[in-house]
PDB file of N, CA and C in Angstrom:
ATOM      1  N   MET A   1       8.367 -29.816 -43.816  1.00  0.00           N
ATOM      2  CA  MET A   1       8.243 -28.761 -42.625  1.00  0.00           C
ATOM      3  C   MET A   1       8.458 -27.595 -43.404  1.00  0.00           C
ATOM      4  N   SER A   2       9.106 -27.193 -44.407  1.00  0.00           N
ATOM      5  CA  SER A   2       9.468 -26.122 -44.532  1.00  0.00           C
ATOM      6  C   SER A   2       8.099 -25.093 -45.008  1.00  0.00           C
ATOM      7  N   ALA A   3       7.010 -25.822 -44.938  1.00  0.00           N
ATOM      8  CA  ALA A   3       5.987 -25.141 -45.289  1.00  0.00           C
ATOM      9  C   ALA A   3       5.316 -24.564 -43.754  1.00  0.00           C
ATOM     10  N   ILE A   4       5.403 -25.257 -42.901  1.00  0.00           N
ATOM     11  CA  ILE A   4       5.235 -24.803 -41.426  1.00  0.00           C
ATOM     12  C   ILE A   4       6.203 -23.746 -40.288  1.00  0.00           C
ATOM     13  N   ASP A   5       7.195 -24.053 -41.141  1.00  0.00           N
ATOM     14  CA  ASP A   5       8.633 -22.884 -41.004  1.00  0.00           C
ATOM     15  C   ASP A   5       8.256 -21.719 -41.649  1.00  0.00           C
ATOM     16  N   ASP A   6       7.506 -21.422 -42.721  1.00  0.00           N
ATOM     17  CA  ASP A   6       7.432 -20.534 -43.230  1.00  0.00           C
ATOM     18  C   ASP A   6       5.449 -19.760 -42.405  1.00  0.00           C
ATOM     19  N   LEU A   7       5.443 -20.660 -42.218  1.00  0.00           N
ATOM     20  CA  LEU A   7       4.122 -20.050 -41.971  1.00  0.00           C
ATOM     21  C   LEU A   7       4.135 -19.220 -40.384  1.00  0.00           C
ATOM     22  N   LEU A   8       5.050 -20.113 -39.704  1.00  0.00           N
ATOM     23  CA  LEU A   8       5.432 -19.630 -37.864  1.00  0.00           C
ATOM     24  C   LEU A   8       6.000 -18.267 -38.527  1.00  0.00           C
ATOM     25  N   LYS A   9       7.020 -18.135 -39.139  1.00  0.00           N
ATOM     26  CA  LYS A   9       7.995 -17.021 -39.618  1.00  0.00           C
ATOM     27  C   LYS A   9       6.752 -15.817 -40.102  1.00  0.00           C
ATOM     28  N   LEU A  10       5.522 -16.007 -40.755  1.00  0.00           N
ATOM     29  CA  LEU A  10       4.838 -15.524 -41.197  1.00  0.00           C
ATOM     30  C   LEU A  10       3.812 -14.671 -39.755  1.00  0.00           C
ATOM     31  N   LEU A  11       3.512 -15.638 -39.215  1.00  0.00           N
ATOM     32  CA  LEU A  11       2.848 -15.050 -37.875  1.00  0.00           C
ATOM     33  C   LEU A  11       3.946 -14.284 -36.960  1.00  0.00           C
ATOM     34  N   ASP A  12       5.060 -14.986 -37.045  1.00  0.00           N
ATOM     35  CA  ASP A  12       5.935 -13.833 -35.936  1.00  0.00           C
ATOM     36  C   ASP A  12       5.912 -12.523 -36.286  1.00  0.00           C
ATOM     37  N   ARG A  13       5.761 -12.284 -37.332  1.00  0.00           N
ATOM     38  CA  ARG A  13       5.603 -11.109 -37.981  1.00  0.00           C
ATOM     39  C   ARG A  13       4.237  -9.741 -37.409  1.00  0.00           C
ATOM     40  N   ILE A  14       3.371 -10.617 -36.921  1.00  0.00           N
ATOM     41  CA  ILE A  14       1.669 -10.381 -36.399  1.00  0.00           C
ATOM     42  C   ILE A  14       2.276  -9.771 -35.388  1.00  0.00           C
ATOM     43  N   PRO A  15       2.220  -8.476 -34.674  1.00  0.00           N
ATOM     44  CA  PRO A  15       1.969  -8.185 -33.091  1.00  0.00           C
ATOM     45  C   PRO A  15       1.342  -8.826 -32.415  1.00  0.00           C
ATOM     46  N   LEU A  16       0.119  -9.114 -32.986  1.00  0.00           N
ATOM     47  CA  LEU A  16      -1.061 -10.334 -31.379  1.00  0.00           C
ATOM     48  C   LEU A  16      -0.180 -11.688 -31.301  1.00  0.00           C
ATOM     49  N   TRP A  17       0.399 -12.094 -32.572  1.00  0.00           N
ATOM     50  CA  TRP A  17       0.943 -13.272 -32.292  1.00  0.00           C
ATOM     51  C   TRP A  17       1.888 -13.192 -31.148  1.00  0.00           C
ATOM     52  N   LYS A  18       2.609 -12.191 -31.770  1.00  0.00           N
ATOM     53  CA  LYS A  18       3.804 -11.917 -30.426  1.00  0.00           C
ATOM     54  C   LYS A  18       3.351 -11.797 -29.143  1.00  0.00           C
ATOM     55  N   LYS A  19       2.345 -11.236 -29.165  1.00  0.00           N
ATOM     56  CA  LYS A  19       1.908 -11.005 -27.588  1.00  0.00           C
ATOM     57  C   LYS A  19       1.264 -12.185 -27.230  1.00  0.00           C
ATOM     58  N   LEU A  20       0.748 -13.194 -28.084  1.00  0.00           N
ATOM     59  CA  LEU A  20       0.119 -14.292 -27.404  1.00  0.00           C
ATOM     60  C   LEU A  20       1.293 -15.259 -26.850  1.00  0.00           C
ATOM     61  N   ASN A  21       2.616 -15.317 -27.809  1.00  0.00           N
ATOM     62  CA  ASN A  21       3.622 -16.169 -27.057  1.00  0.00           C
ATOM     63  C   ASN A  21       4.110 -15.789 -25.969  1.00  0.00           C
ATOM     64  N   ALA A  22       3.506 -14.479 -25.404  1.00  0.00           N
ATOM     65  CA  ALA A  22       4.768 -14.172 -24.612  1.00  0.00           C
ATOM     66  C   ALA A  22       3.463 -14.395 -23.272  1.00  0.00           C
ATOM     67  N   LEU A  23       2.309 -14.715 -23.581  1.00  0.00           N
ATOM     68  CA  LEU A  23       1.399 -14.586 -22.364  1.00  0.00           C
ATOM     69  C   LEU A  23       1.668 -15.960 -21.204  1.00  0.00           C
ATOM     70  N   PRO A  24       2.060 -17.010 -21.748  1.00  0.00           N
ATOM     71  CA  PRO A  24       2.658 -17.790 -20.457  1.00  0.00           C
ATOM     72  C   PRO A  24       3.677 -17.508 -19.638  1.00  0.00           C
ATOM     73  N   ASP A  25       4.645 -16.826 -19.982  1.00  0.00           N
ATOM     74  CA  ASP A  25       5.417 -16.139 -19.342  1.00  0.00           C
ATOM     75  C   ASP A  25       4.902 -15.155 -18.312  1.00  0.00           C
ATOM     76  N   ARG A  26       4.594 -14.141 -18.659  1.00  0.00           N
ATOM     77  CA  ARG A  26       3.831 -12.958 -18.223  1.00  0.00           C
ATOM     78  C   ARG A  26       2.760 -13.255 -17.460  1.00  0.00           C
ATOM     79  N   VAL A  27       2.053 -14.439 -17.590  1.00  0.00           N
ATOM     80  CA  VAL A  27       0.924 -14.926 -16.563  1.00  0.00           C
ATOM     81  C   VAL A  27       1.691 -15.403 -15.185  1.00  0.00           C
ATOM     82  N   ASP A  28       2.896 -16.409 -15.528  1.00  0.00           N
ATOM     83  CA  ASP A  28       3.476 -16.638 -14.525  1.00  0.00           C
ATOM     84  C   ASP A  28       4.156 -16.043 -13.903  1.00  0.00           C
ATOM     85  N   GLU A  29       4.931 -14.660 -14.161  1.00  0.00           N
ATOM     86  CA  GLU A  29       5.236 -13.358 -13.498  1.00  0.00           C
ATOM     87  C   GLU A  29       4.375 -12.882 -12.449  1.00  0.00           C
ATOM     88  N   LEU A  30       3.175 -12.717 -13.373  1.00  0.00           N
ATOM     89  CA  LEU A  30       1.840 -12.123 -12.642  1.00  0.00           C
ATOM     90  C   LEU A  30       1.527 -12.941 -11.532  1.00  0.00           C
ATOM     91  N   GLU A  31       1.539 -14.362 -11.287  1.00  0.00           N
ATOM     92  CA  GLU A  31       0.988 -15.262 -10.779  1.00  0.00           C
ATOM     93  C   GLU A  31       2.039 -15.178  -8.951  1.00  0.00           C
ATOM     94  N   LYS A  32       3.320 -14.870  -9.682  1.00  0.00           N
ATOM     95  CA  LYS A  32       4.391 -14.749  -8.464  1.00  0.00           C
ATOM     96  C   LYS A  32       4.231 -13.515  -7.551  1.00  0.00           C
ATOM     97  N   ARG A  33       3.993 -12.352  -8.413  1.00  0.00           N
ATOM     98  CA  ARG A  33       3.680 -10.946  -8.144  1.00  0.00           C
ATOM     99  C   ARG A  33       2.646 -11.064  -7.202  1.00  0.00           C
ATOM    100  N   ILE A  34       1.543 -12.109  -7.785  1.00  0.00           N
ATOM    101  CA  ILE A  34       0.398 -11.846  -6.677  1.00  0.00           C
ATOM    102  C   ILE A  34       0.362 -12.622  -5.398  1.00  0.00           C
ATOM    103  N   ALA A  35       1.196 -13.721  -5.375  1.00  0.00           N
ATOM    104  CA  ALA A  35       1.473 -14.498  -4.392  1.00  0.00           C
ATOM    105  C   ALA A  35       2.147 -13.922  -3.059  1.00  0.00           C
ATOM    106  N   ILE A  36       3.042 -12.967  -3.826  1.00  0.00           N
ATOM    107  CA  ILE A  36       3.894 -12.160  -2.613  1.00  0.00           C
ATOM    108  C   ILE A  36       2.874 -11.197  -2.412  1.00  0.00           C
ATOM    109  N   LEU A  37       2.038 -10.579  -3.031  1.00  0.00           N
ATOM    110  CA  LEU A  37       1.452  -9.608  -2.133  1.00  0.00           C
ATOM    111  C   LEU A  37       0.207  -9.978  -1.507  1.00  0.00           C
ATOM    112  N   GLU A  38       0.194 -11.060  -1.825  1.00  0.00           N
ATOM    113  CA  GLU A  38      -1.357 -11.785  -0.688  1.00  0.00           C
ATOM    114  C   GLU A  38      -0.668 -12.646   0.460  1.00  0.00           C
ATOM    115  N   SER A  39       0.694 -13.052   0.285  1.00  0.00           N
ATOM    116  CA  SER A  39       1.318 -13.242   1.831  1.00  0.00           C
ATOM    117  C   SER A  39       1.806 -11.970   2.677  1.00  0.00           C
ATOM    118  N   ALA A  40       1.817 -11.137   1.982  1.00  0.00           N
ATOM    119  CA  ALA A  40       2.229  -9.596   2.605  1.00  0.00           C
ATOM    120  C   ALA A  40       1.117  -9.149   3.137  1.00  0.00           C
ATOM    121  N   SER A  41      -0.024  -9.189   2.383  1.00  0.00           N
ATOM    122  CA  SER A  41      -1.205  -8.653   2.999  1.00  0.00           C
ATOM    123  C   SER A  41      -1.942  -9.207   4.464  1.00  0.00           C
ATOM    124  N   LYS A  42      -1.795 -10.625   4.206  1.00  0.00           N
ATOM    125  CA  LYS A  42      -2.217 -11.410   5.188  1.00  0.00           C
ATOM    126  C   LYS A  42      -1.554 -11.235   6.698  1.00  0.00           C
ATOM    127  N   GLU A  43      -0.203 -10.699   6.389  1.00  0.00           N
ATOM    128  CA  GLU A  43       0.097 -10.231   8.129  1.00  0.00           C
ATOM    129  C   GLU A  43       0.043  -8.767   8.076  1.00  0.00           C
ATOM    130  N   PRO A  44      -0.745  -8.207   9.200  1.00  0.00           N
ATOM    131  CA  PRO A  44      -1.247  -6.870   9.412  1.00  0.00           C
ATOM    132  C   PRO A  44      -0.133  -6.075   9.878  1.00  0.00           C
ATOM    133  N   SER A  45      -0.160  -4.847   9.436  1.00  0.00           N
ATOM    134  CA  SER A  45       0.982  -3.888   9.815  1.00  0.00           C
ATOM    135  C   SER A  45       0.636  -3.419  11.046  1.00  0.00           C
ATOM    136  N   GLU A  46       1.925  -3.265  11.672  1.00  0.00           N
ATOM    137  CA  GLU A  46       1.817  -2.526  13.168  1.00  0.00           C
ATOM    138  C   GLU A  46       1.132  -1.257  13.131  1.00  0.00           C
ATOM    139  N   PHE A  47       1.167  -0.692  11.912  1.00  0.00           N
ATOM    140  CA  PHE A  47       0.557   0.664  12.136  1.00  0.00           C
ATOM    141  C   PHE A  47      -0.713   0.988  11.013  1.00  0.00           C
ATOM    142  N   LEU A  48      -1.588   1.819  11.151  1.00  0.00           N
ATOM    143  CA  LEU A  48      -2.519   2.067  10.430  1.00  0.00           C
ATOM    144  C   LEU A  48      -2.106   3.648   9.827  1.00  0.00           C
ATOM    145  N   ASP A  49      -2.008   3.365   8.493  1.00  0.00           N
ATOM    146  CA  ASP A  49      -1.877   4.928   8.083  1.00  0.00           C
ATOM    147  C   ASP A  49      -3.185   5.551   7.603  1.00  0.00           C
ATOM    148  N   LEU A  50      -3.450   6.722   8.146  1.00  0.00           N
ATOM    149  CA  LEU A  50      -4.626   7.578   7.962  1.00  0.00           C
ATOM    150  C   LEU A  50      -3.951   8.766   7.053  1.00  0.00           C
ATOM    151  N   GLY A  51      -3.130   8.608   6.274  1.00  0.00           N
ATOM    152  CA  GLY A  51      -2.424   9.723   5.299  1.00  0.00           C
ATOM    153  C   GLY A  51      -1.692  10.946   6.155  1.00  0.00           C
ATOM    154  N   MET A  52      -2.494  11.505   7.058  1.00  0.00           N
ATOM    155  CA  MET A  52      -1.763  12.271   7.789  1.00  0.00           C
ATOM    156  C   MET A  52      -1.127  12.015   9.084  1.00  0.00           C
ATOM    157  N   CYS A  53      -1.675  11.004   9.454  1.00  0.00           N
ATOM    158  CA  CYS A  53      -0.966  10.174  10.853  1.00  0.00           C
ATOM    159  C   CYS A  53      -0.969   8.654  10.611  1.00  0.00           C
ATOM    160  N   LEU A  54      -0.804   8.135  11.771  1.00  0.00           N
ATOM    161  CA  LEU A  54      -0.574   7.059  11.851  1.00  0.00           C
ATOM    162  C   LEU A  54      -1.400   6.514  13.072  1.00  0.00           C
ATOM    163  N   LEU A  55      -2.320   5.171  13.386  1.00  0.00           N
ATOM    164  CA  LEU A  55      -2.277   4.722  14.720  1.00  0.00           C
ATOM    165  C   LEU A  55      -1.667   3.389  14.711  1.00  0.00           C
ATOM    166  N   LYS A  56      -1.194   3.278  15.885  1.00  0.00           N
ATOM    167  CA  LYS A  56      -0.560   1.847  16.347  1.00  0.00           C
ATOM    168  C   LYS A  56      -1.979   1.081  16.533  1.00  0.00           C
ATOM    169  N   ARG A  57      -1.218  -0.269  16.495  1.00  0.00           N
ATOM    170  CA  ARG A  57      -2.265  -1.510  16.259  1.00  0.00           C
ATOM    171  C   ARG A  57      -2.163  -2.074  17.778  1.00  0.00           C
ATOM    172  N   ASN A  58      -3.540  -2.056  18.343  1.00  0.00           N
ATOM    173  CA  ASN A  58      -3.614  -2.569  19.682  1.00  0.00           C
ATOM    174  C   ASN A  58      -3.496  -4.036  19.937  1.00  0.00           C
ATOM    175  N   PRO A  59      -2.433  -4.903  20.540  1.00  0.00           N
ATOM    176  CA  PRO A  59      -2.397  -6.514  20.604  1.00  0.00           C
ATOM    177  C   PRO A  59      -3.725  -7.076  20.863  1.00  0.00           C
ATOM    178  N   THR A  60      -4.640  -6.195  21.386  1.00  0.00           N
ATOM    179  CA  THR A  60      -5.787  -7.006  22.053  1.00  0.00           C
ATOM    180  C   THR A  60      -6.846  -6.575  21.035  1.00  0.00           C
ATOM    181  N   GLY A  61      -6.502  -6.131  19.825  1.00  0.00           N
ATOM    182  CA  GLY A  61      -7.434  -5.943  18.514  1.00  0.00           C
ATOM    183  C   GLY A  61      -7.969  -4.077  18.630  1.00  0.00           C
ATOM    184  N   GLY A  62      -8.131  -4.195  17.570  1.00  0.00           N
ATOM    185  CA  GLY A  62      -8.728  -2.515  16.889  1.00  0.00           C
ATOM    186  C   GLY A  62      -7.109  -1.602  16.920  1.00  0.00           C
ATOM    187  N   TYR A  63      -7.320  -0.514  17.025  1.00  0.00           N
ATOM    188  CA  TYR A  63      -6.146   0.726  17.322  1.00  0.00           C
ATOM    189  C   TYR A  63      -5.999   1.276  18.804  1.00  0.00           C
ATOM    190  N   PHE A  64      -4.867   1.686  19.057  1.00  0.00           N
ATOM    191  CA  PHE A  64      -5.303   2.969  20.008  1.00  0.00           C
ATOM    192  C   PHE A  64      -5.504   4.211  19.440  1.00  0.00           C
ATOM    193  N   ASN A  65      -5.907   5.115  20.420  1.00  0.00           N
ATOM    194  CA  ASN A  65      -6.497   6.252  19.721  1.00  0.00           C
ATOM    195  C   ASN A  65      -5.891   7.489  19.527  1.00  0.00           C
ATOM    196  N   THR A  66      -4.148   6.914  20.098  1.00  0.00           N
ATOM    197  CA  THR A  66      -3.414   8.388  20.177  1.00  0.00           C
ATOM    198  C   THR A  66      -2.933   8.383  18.561  1.00  0.00           C
ATOM    199  N   PRO A  67      -2.964   9.481  17.873  1.00  0.00           N
ATOM    200  CA  PRO A  67      -2.166   9.637  16.423  1.00  0.00           C
ATOM    201  C   PRO A  67      -0.897   9.778  16.768  1.00  0.00           C
ATOM    202  N   LEU A  68      -0.208   9.451  16.060  1.00  0.00           N
ATOM    203  CA  LEU A  68       1.312   9.369  15.897  1.00  0.00           C
ATOM    204  C   LEU A  68       1.934  10.120  14.368  1.00  0.00           C
ATOM    205  N   CYS A  69       2.919  10.399  14.620  1.00  0.00           N
ATOM    206  CA  CYS A  69       3.507  11.472  13.748  1.00  0.00           C
ATOM    207  C   CYS A  69       3.797  10.565  12.591  1.00  0.00           C
ATOM    208  N   PRO A  70       3.644  10.657  11.281  1.00  0.00           N
ATOM    209  CA  PRO A  70       4.087   9.697  10.158  1.00  0.00           C
ATOM    210  C   PRO A  70       5.452   9.706   9.837  1.00  0.00           C
ATOM    211  N   SER A  71       6.084  10.404  10.376  1.00  0.00           N
ATOM    212  CA  SER A  71       7.659  10.591  10.055  1.00  0.00           C
ATOM    213  C   SER A  71       8.333   9.624  10.982  1.00  0.00           C
ATOM    214  N   CYS A  72       8.267  10.030  12.435  1.00  0.00           N
ATOM    215  CA  CYS A  72       9.070   9.382  13.103  1.00  0.00           C
ATOM    216  C   CYS A  72       8.175   8.138  14.011  1.00  0.00           C
ATOM    217  N   LYS A  73       6.995   8.194  13.848  1.00  0.00           N
ATOM    218  CA  LYS A  73       5.694   7.329  14.681  1.00  0.00           C
ATOM    219  C   LYS A  73       5.709   7.630  16.184  1.00  0.00           C
ATOM    220  N   LYS A  74       5.922   8.680  16.781  1.00  0.00           N
ATOM    221  CA  LYS A  74       6.262   9.456  17.847  1.00  0.00           C
ATOM    222  C   LYS A  74       4.676   9.929  18.077  1.00  0.00           C
ATOM    223  N   PRO A  75       4.238   9.766  19.236  1.00  0.00           N
ATOM    224  CA  PRO A  75       2.566  10.663  19.823  1.00  0.00           C
ATOM    225  C   PRO A  75       2.743  11.953  19.425  1.00  0.00           C
ATOM    226  N   LEU A  76       1.550  12.787  18.801  1.00  0.00           N
ATOM    227  CA  LEU A  76       1.604  14.036  18.480  1.00  0.00           C
ATOM    228  C   LEU A  76       1.345  14.896  19.691  1.00  0.00           C
ATOM    229  N   SER A  77       1.537  15.947  20.025  1.00  0.00           N
ATOM    230  CA  SER A  77       1.200  16.937  21.219  1.00  0.00           C
ATOM    231  C   SER A  77       0.314  17.686  20.499  1.00  0.00           C
ATOM    232  N   ASP A  78      -0.555  18.237  21.455  1.00  0.00           N
ATOM    233  CA  ASP A  78      -1.478  19.527  21.234  1.00  0.00           C
ATOM    234  C   ASP A  78      -0.834  20.722  21.796  1.00  0.00           C
ATOM    235  N   PHE A  79       0.720  21.060  21.280  1.00  0.00           N
ATOM    236  CA  PHE A  79       1.130  22.263  22.236  1.00  0.00           C
ATOM    237  C   PHE A  79       0.693  23.440  21.834  1.00  0.00           C
ATOM    238  N   PHE A  80       0.173  23.662  20.351  1.00  0.00           N
ATOM    239  CA  PHE A  80      -0.404  25.140  19.752  1.00  0.00           C
ATOM    240  C   PHE A  80      -1.908  24.761  19.887  1.00  0.00           C
ATOM    241  N   PRO A  81      -2.502  25.803  20.025  1.00  0.00           N
ATOM    242  CA  PRO A  81      -3.757  25.397  19.798  1.00  0.00           C
ATOM    243  C   PRO A  81      -4.751  25.619  18.451  1.00  0.00           C
ATOM    244  N   GLY A  82      -5.429  24.024  18.250  1.00  0.00           N
ATOM    245  CA  GLY A  82      -5.766  23.503  16.898  1.00  0.00           C
ATOM    246  C   GLY A  82      -4.965  22.905  16.250  1.00  0.00           C
ATOM    247  N   LYS A  83      -3.693  22.596  16.709  1.00  0.00           N
ATOM    248  CA  LYS A  83      -2.751  22.131  15.892  1.00  0.00           C
ATOM    249  C   LYS A  83      -2.127  20.793  16.868  1.00  0.00           C
ATOM    250  N   LEU A  84      -1.810  19.905  16.034  1.00  0.00           N
ATOM    251  CA  LEU A  84      -0.834  18.703  16.818  1.00  0.00           C
ATOM    252  C   LEU A  84       0.424  18.753  15.985  1.00  0.00           C
ATOM    253  N   ASN A  85       1.592  18.679  17.192  1.00  0.00           N
ATOM    254  CA  ASN A  85       3.038  18.783  16.171  1.00  0.00           C
ATOM    255  C   ASN A  85       3.291  17.368  16.940  1.00  0.00           C
ATOM    256  N   CYS A  86       4.463  17.223  16.572  1.00  0.00           N
ATOM    257  CA  CYS A  86       5.595  16.203  16.986  1.00  0.00           C
ATOM    258  C   CYS A  86       6.799  17.164  17.333  1.00  0.00           C
ATOM    259  N   GLY A  87       7.262  16.333  18.509  1.00  0.00           N
ATOM    260  CA  GLY A  87       8.102  17.242  19.284  1.00  0.00           C
ATOM    261  C   GLY A  87       9.718  17.249  18.594  1.00  0.00           C
ATOM    262  N   SER A  88       9.667  15.808  18.192  1.00  0.00           N
ATOM    263  CA  SER A  88      10.910  15.245  17.758  1.00  0.00           C
ATOM    264  C   SER A  88      11.379  15.555  16.009  1.00  0.00           C
ATOM    265  N   CYS A  89      10.251  15.520  15.202  1.00  0.00           N
ATOM    266  CA  CYS A  89      10.533  16.229  14.006  1.00  0.00           C
ATOM    267  C   CYS A  89       9.765  17.275  13.370  1.00  0.00           C
ATOM    268  N   SER A  90       9.133  18.117  14.312  1.00  0.00           N
ATOM    269  CA  SER A  90       8.520  19.383  13.908  1.00  0.00           C
ATOM    270  C   SER A  90       7.536  19.181  13.141  1.00  0.00           C
ATOM    271  N   VAL A  91       6.321  18.157  12.954  1.00  0.00           N
ATOM    272  CA  VAL A  91       5.664  18.120  11.742  1.00  0.00           C
ATOM    273  C   VAL A  91       4.332  18.738  12.499  1.00  0.00           C
ATOM    274  N   VAL A  92       3.888  19.674  12.340  1.00  0.00           N
ATOM    275  CA  VAL A  92       2.760  20.182  12.776  1.00  0.00           C
ATOM    276  C   VAL A  92       1.526  19.796  11.933  1.00  0.00           C
ATOM    277  N   LEU A  93       0.236  19.430  12.322  1.00  0.00           N
ATOM    278  CA  LEU A  93      -0.836  19.112  11.593  1.00  0.00           C
ATOM    279  C   LEU A  93      -2.252  19.621  12.578  1.00  0.00           C
ATOM    280  N   ASP A  94      -3.264  19.908  11.253  1.00  0.00           N
ATOM    281  CA  ASP A  94      -4.475  20.592  12.302  1.00  0.00           C
ATOM    282  C   ASP A  94      -4.973  19.410  12.672  1.00  0.00           C
ATOM    283  N   SER A  95      -5.352  19.805  14.316  1.00  0.00           N
ATOM    284  CA  SER A  95      -5.709  18.948  15.094  1.00  0.00           C
ATOM    285  C   SER A  95      -7.235  18.357  15.032  1.00  0.00           C
ATOM    286  N   MET A  96      -8.121  19.475  14.165  1.00  0.00           N
ATOM    287  CA  MET A  96      -9.650  18.853  13.744  1.00  0.00           C
ATOM    288  C   MET A  96      -9.840  17.577  12.865  1.00  0.00           C
ATOM    289  N   ALA A  97      -8.522  18.106  11.484  1.00  0.00           N
ATOM    290  CA  ALA A  97      -8.632  17.192  10.638  1.00  0.00           C
ATOM    291  C   ALA A  97      -7.854  15.542  11.136  1.00  0.00           C
ATOM    292  N   VAL A  98      -7.035  15.560  11.852  1.00  0.00           N
ATOM    293  CA  VAL A  98      -6.526  14.402  12.647  1.00  0.00           C
ATOM    294  C   VAL A  98      -7.346  13.945  13.541  1.00  0.00           C
ATOM    295  N   MET A  99      -8.207  14.446  14.384  1.00  0.00           N
ATOM    296  CA  MET A  99      -9.108  13.493  15.241  1.00  0.00           C
ATOM    297  C   MET A  99     -10.164  13.297  14.120  1.00  0.00           C
ATOM    298  N   ALA A 100     -10.733  13.805  13.359  1.00  0.00           N
ATOM    299  CA  ALA A 100     -11.761  13.463  12.653  1.00  0.00           C
ATOM    300  C   ALA A 100     -11.331  12.063  11.667  1.00  0.00           C
ATOM    301  N   ALA A 101     -10.024  11.829  11.454  1.00  0.00           N
ATOM    302  CA  ALA A 101      -9.475  10.710  10.716  1.00  0.00           C
ATOM    303  C   ALA A 101      -9.463   9.684  11.492  1.00  0.00           C
ATOM    304  N   VAL A 102      -9.093   9.962  12.505  1.00  0.00           N
ATOM    305  CA  VAL A 102      -8.927   9.236  13.831  1.00  0.00           C
ATOM    306  C   VAL A 102     -10.399   8.398  14.004  1.00  0.00           C
ATOM    307  N   LYS A 103     -11.149   9.547  14.524  1.00  0.00           N
ATOM    308  CA  LYS A 103     -12.473   8.799  14.855  1.00  0.00           C
ATOM    309  C   LYS A 103     -13.172   8.152  13.688  1.00  0.00           C
ATOM    310  N   LYS A 104     -13.368   8.587  12.194  1.00  0.00           N
ATOM    311  CA  LYS A 104     -13.684   7.629  11.440  1.00  0.00           C
ATOM    312  C   LYS A 104     -12.889   6.256  11.366  1.00  0.00           C
ATOM    313  N   ALA A 105     -11.524   6.473  11.678  1.00  0.00           N
ATOM    314  CA  ALA A 105     -10.984   5.088  11.190  1.00  0.00           C
ATOM    315  C   ALA A 105     -11.306   4.215  12.342  1.00  0.00           C
ATOM    316  N   LEU A 106     -11.613   4.579  13.696  1.00  0.00           N
ATOM    317  CA  LEU A 106     -11.897   3.750  14.949  1.00  0.00           C
ATOM    318  C   LEU A 106     -13.095   3.184  14.896  1.00  0.00           C
ATOM    319  N   ALA A 107     -14.217   3.864  14.084  1.00  0.00           N
ATOM    320  CA  ALA A 107     -15.418   3.632  14.004  1.00  0.00           C
ATOM    321  C   ALA A 107     -15.595   2.626  13.030  1.00  0.00           C
ATOM    322  N   SER A 108     -14.565   2.498  11.923  1.00  0.00           N
ATOM    323  CA  SER A 108     -14.878   1.143  10.868  1.00  0.00           C
ATOM    324  C   SER A 108     -14.061   0.109  11.425  1.00  0.00           C
TER     325      SER A 108
END
């Protein structure tokens, strides 16, 4: 058995062998992470994040077309010409960019 032990000790010095030995544990870890991500993605989010603003999911399907503040999730208003702002947290966004993003999201 000493020849096998010597061979195993020799193999343990090879970096690729160490990586191969670690693969079963790594695969198990990744399978758990994938299962968590898949279960999370099956339940739709209440909001659709458009980057600059949010849209709320309509219970009957699709999304409402009112853009929401990305910080506090309250509706944005057009208080200033060409700008949408949040009265609660003072977020100000370009209304043309927001409405283009909303239109694109609702079309898909």
